[in-house]
Amino acid sequence: LVFAAEDEMNDPRALAELMAKHKVDCINATPSRLLQYMEYEPFKEGLKKCKLIMSGGEAYPMSLRDAIRKCSPDIRIINTYGPTEITVSCNAADLTHADYVTVGRPLLNYHEIIVDKFGDPAPYGVIGELYIGGRGVARGYNNLDEMTRERFIEYHGERIYKSGDYAKYS
């Protein structure tokens, strides 16, 4: 496991050198950073040796997936989703050969419920608020009791997190 120092993370040349030095075969970064670095040839050369690229934390543009596949057609491309309150990622989707971007299904030890404005489960294809439950859900916010009560609620006998994000089953 190799962690890039801040100066290496912010310099695609230095990051490419670090990847080559340690024979990196997997990388994880935000989509916007990856898209920016895809303009730099040594970084793209480093990606050719990677087997897996994971990315999350913001919207994933299909143009990034296409640029990665053009650079390295055999690399596996994973999009992740998850708010901080869920210890970073609770969903993942393999975009390698996907026709559209999705956040995929819940990871192990997580489950999700999409609810309508009344708090009832939303039907398939209907947009609603995403509730997240499971072992990775935080206990609440430090010294923010009111906010904790608002966002970490009891739902059908289970403590869940009201994400504030909207989703639909598809």
Protein backbone atom coordinates (compact mmCIF):
# COMPACT_ATOMS: atom_id res chain seq x y z
CA LEU A 1 0.00 0.00 0.00
CA VAL A 2 1.48 3.33 -1.08
CA PHE A 3 0.19 6.71 0.08
CA ALA A 4 1.14 9.71 -2.00
CA ALA A 5 2.38 12.73 -0.08
CA GLU A 6 0.49 15.97 -0.65
CA ASP A 7 3.08 17.32 -3.09
CA GLU A 8 2.92 14.04 -5.07
CA MET A 9 -0.90 14.07 -5.12
CA ASN A 10 -0.91 17.59 -6.52
CA ASP A 11 1.72 16.99 -9.20
CA PRO A 12 0.86 14.43 -11.90
CA ARG A 13 4.53 14.08 -12.83
CA ALA A 14 5.52 13.24 -9.26
CA LEU A 15 2.53 10.91 -8.92
CA ALA A 16 3.49 9.11 -12.13
CA GLU A 17 7.04 8.66 -10.81
CA LEU A 18 5.71 7.29 -7.50
CA MET A 19 3.44 4.85 -9.38
CA ALA A 20 6.36 3.63 -11.50
CA LYS A 21 8.75 3.34 -8.55
CA HIS A 22 6.36 1.18 -6.52
CA LYS A 23 4.78 -0.69 -9.45
CA VAL A 24 1.33 0.56 -8.45
CA ASP A 25 -1.46 -1.62 -9.84
CA CYS A 26 -4.46 0.16 -8.28
CA ILE A 27 -5.26 3.83 -7.73
CA ASN A 28 -8.07 5.66 -5.92
CA ALA A 29 -8.82 9.36 -6.52
CA THR A 30 -11.69 11.72 -7.18
CA PRO A 31 -13.06 11.83 -10.74
CA SER A 32 -12.12 15.49 -11.25
CA ARG A 33 -8.50 14.83 -10.24
CA LEU A 34 -8.26 11.79 -12.49
CA LEU A 35 -9.77 13.67 -15.42
CA GLN A 36 -7.23 16.45 -14.94
CA TYR A 37 -4.33 13.97 -14.71
CA MET A 38 -5.47 12.13 -17.84
CA GLU A 39 -4.11 15.13 -19.78
CA TYR A 40 -0.58 14.21 -18.65
CA GLU A 41 1.14 11.47 -20.72
CA PRO A 42 3.40 10.02 -17.95
CA PHE A 43 0.33 9.57 -15.74
CA LYS A 44 -1.49 7.75 -18.55
CA GLU A 45 1.61 5.54 -18.98
CA GLY A 46 1.42 4.68 -15.27
CA LEU A 47 -2.25 3.78 -15.63
CA LYS A 48 -1.37 1.23 -18.31
CA LYS A 49 0.21 -0.88 -15.55
CA CYS A 50 -2.84 -0.62 -13.28
CA LYS A 51 -5.42 -3.37 -12.97
CA LEU A 52 -7.99 -1.36 -11.02
CA ILE A 53 -8.98 2.26 -10.70
CA MET A 54 -11.47 3.36 -8.04
CA SER A 55 -13.01 6.77 -7.87
CA GLY A 56 -15.70 8.52 -5.85
CA GLY A 57 -16.56 11.54 -3.78
CA GLU A 58 -18.26 13.43 -6.59
CA ALA A 59 -20.18 12.93 -9.82
CA TYR A 60 -18.45 10.54 -12.22
CA PRO A 61 -18.37 11.73 -15.86
CA MET A 62 -18.64 9.06 -18.54
CA SER A 63 -15.90 10.96 -20.39
CA LEU A 64 -13.48 9.89 -17.64
CA ARG A 65 -14.43 6.25 -18.04
CA ASP A 66 -13.93 6.57 -21.81
CA ALA A 67 -10.53 8.26 -21.40
CA ILE A 68 -9.34 5.54 -19.01
CA ARG A 69 -10.54 2.75 -21.31
CA LYS A 70 -8.83 4.41 -24.29
CA CYS A 71 -5.58 4.59 -22.31
CA SER A 72 -5.83 1.10 -20.79
CA PRO A 73 -8.63 -1.11 -22.18
CA ASP A 74 -8.06 -3.91 -19.63
CA ILE A 75 -8.27 -1.79 -16.47
CA ARG A 76 -11.28 -2.35 -14.21
CA ILE A 77 -13.09 0.91 -13.36
CA ILE A 78 -15.11 1.20 -10.13
CA ASN A 79 -17.28 4.16 -9.12
CA THR A 80 -17.93 4.46 -5.38
CA TYR A 81 -20.48 6.40 -3.35
CA GLY A 82 -20.84 7.12 0.32
CA PRO A 83 -21.23 10.03 2.65
CA THR A 84 -18.69 10.63 5.41
CA GLU A 85 -21.28 9.46 7.95
CA ILE A 86 -21.02 5.98 6.42
CA THR A 87 -17.24 5.78 6.83
CA VAL A 88 -16.64 6.83 3.23
CA SER A 89 -18.08 4.22 0.82
CA CYS A 90 -21.23 2.16 1.03
CA ASN A 91 -21.84 1.52 -2.69
CA ALA A 92 -19.79 0.50 -5.69
CA ALA A 93 -20.47 0.02 -9.39
CA ASP A 94 -18.26 -1.50 -12.05
CA LEU A 95 -18.27 1.01 -14.92
CA THR A 96 -15.74 -0.83 -17.06
CA HIS A 97 -18.30 -1.83 -19.70
CA ALA A 98 -21.33 0.11 -18.41
CA ASP A 99 -23.64 2.06 -20.69
CA TYR A 100 -24.33 4.70 -18.03
CA VAL A 101 -22.95 5.88 -14.68
CA THR A 102 -24.47 4.50 -11.50
CA VAL A 103 -23.37 4.18 -7.88
CA GLY A 104 -24.29 0.52 -7.98
CA ARG A 105 -25.42 -1.67 -5.13
CA PRO A 106 -24.63 -1.52 -1.42
CA LEU A 107 -21.37 -3.07 -0.26
CA LEU A 108 -21.33 -5.84 2.36
CA ASN A 109 -22.73 -4.85 5.76
CA TYR A 110 -24.81 -2.00 4.30
CA HIS A 111 -28.38 -1.86 3.12
CA GLU A 112 -30.40 0.97 1.72
CA ILE A 113 -33.98 2.07 1.57
CA ILE A 114 -35.29 4.73 -0.79
CA VAL A 115 -38.26 6.47 0.77
CA ASP A 116 -40.92 8.86 -0.51
CA LYS A 117 -41.78 12.19 1.14
CA PHE A 118 -43.92 10.33 3.72
CA GLY A 119 -41.08 8.01 4.74
CA ASP A 120 -42.61 4.99 3.01
CA PRO A 121 -40.53 2.78 0.70
CA ALA A 122 -40.52 4.27 -2.79
CA PRO A 123 -41.53 2.00 -5.68
CA TYR A 124 -39.02 0.87 -8.29
CA GLY A 125 -38.04 3.76 -10.58
CA VAL A 126 -39.41 6.50 -8.28
CA ILE A 127 -36.98 9.06 -6.87
CA GLY A 128 -36.84 9.37 -3.10
CA GLU A 129 -34.44 10.05 -0.24
CA LEU A 130 -31.75 7.46 0.40
CA TYR A 131 -31.63 5.97 3.91
CA ILE A 132 -28.54 3.91 4.73
CA GLY A 133 -28.26 1.28 7.43
CA GLY A 134 -25.66 -1.21 8.47
CA ARG A 135 -22.54 -1.69 10.54
CA GLY A 136 -20.56 1.17 8.97
CA VAL A 137 -23.05 3.87 9.92
CA ALA A 138 -21.61 6.41 12.36
CA ARG A 139 -23.17 6.93 15.78
CA GLY A 140 -23.74 10.63 15.18
CA TYR A 141 -22.05 13.97 15.09
CA ASN A 142 -19.62 14.99 17.82
CA ASN A 143 -21.22 17.64 20.05
CA LEU A 144 -24.10 18.19 17.58
CA ASP A 145 -26.97 16.43 19.35
CA GLU A 146 -29.81 18.13 17.45
CA MET A 147 -28.27 17.37 14.07
CA THR A 148 -27.61 13.79 15.17
CA ARG A 149 -31.29 13.36 16.11
CA GLU A 150 -32.34 14.76 12.71
CA ARG A 151 -30.10 12.57 10.56
CA PHE A 152 -29.60 9.35 12.55
CA ILE A 153 -33.12 8.05 13.10
CA GLU A 154 -34.98 4.90 14.05
CA TYR A 155 -36.64 3.37 10.99
CA HIS A 156 -38.60 0.13 11.33
CA GLY A 157 -36.67 -0.79 14.45
CA GLU A 158 -33.24 0.02 13.09
CA ARG A 159 -30.99 3.03 13.47
CA ILE A 160 -30.29 4.43 10.01
CA TYR A 161 -28.77 7.51 8.43
CA LYS A 162 -30.95 9.91 6.40
CA SER A 163 -28.46 10.83 3.69
CA GLY A 164 -30.30 13.79 2.19
CA ASP A 165 -29.30 12.34 -1.22
CA TYR A 166 -31.93 11.36 -3.76
CA ALA A 167 -31.88 8.08 -5.60
CA LYS A 168 -34.07 5.54 -7.35
CA TYR A 169 -33.94 1.80 -7.87
CA SER A 170 -33.25 0.96 -11.50
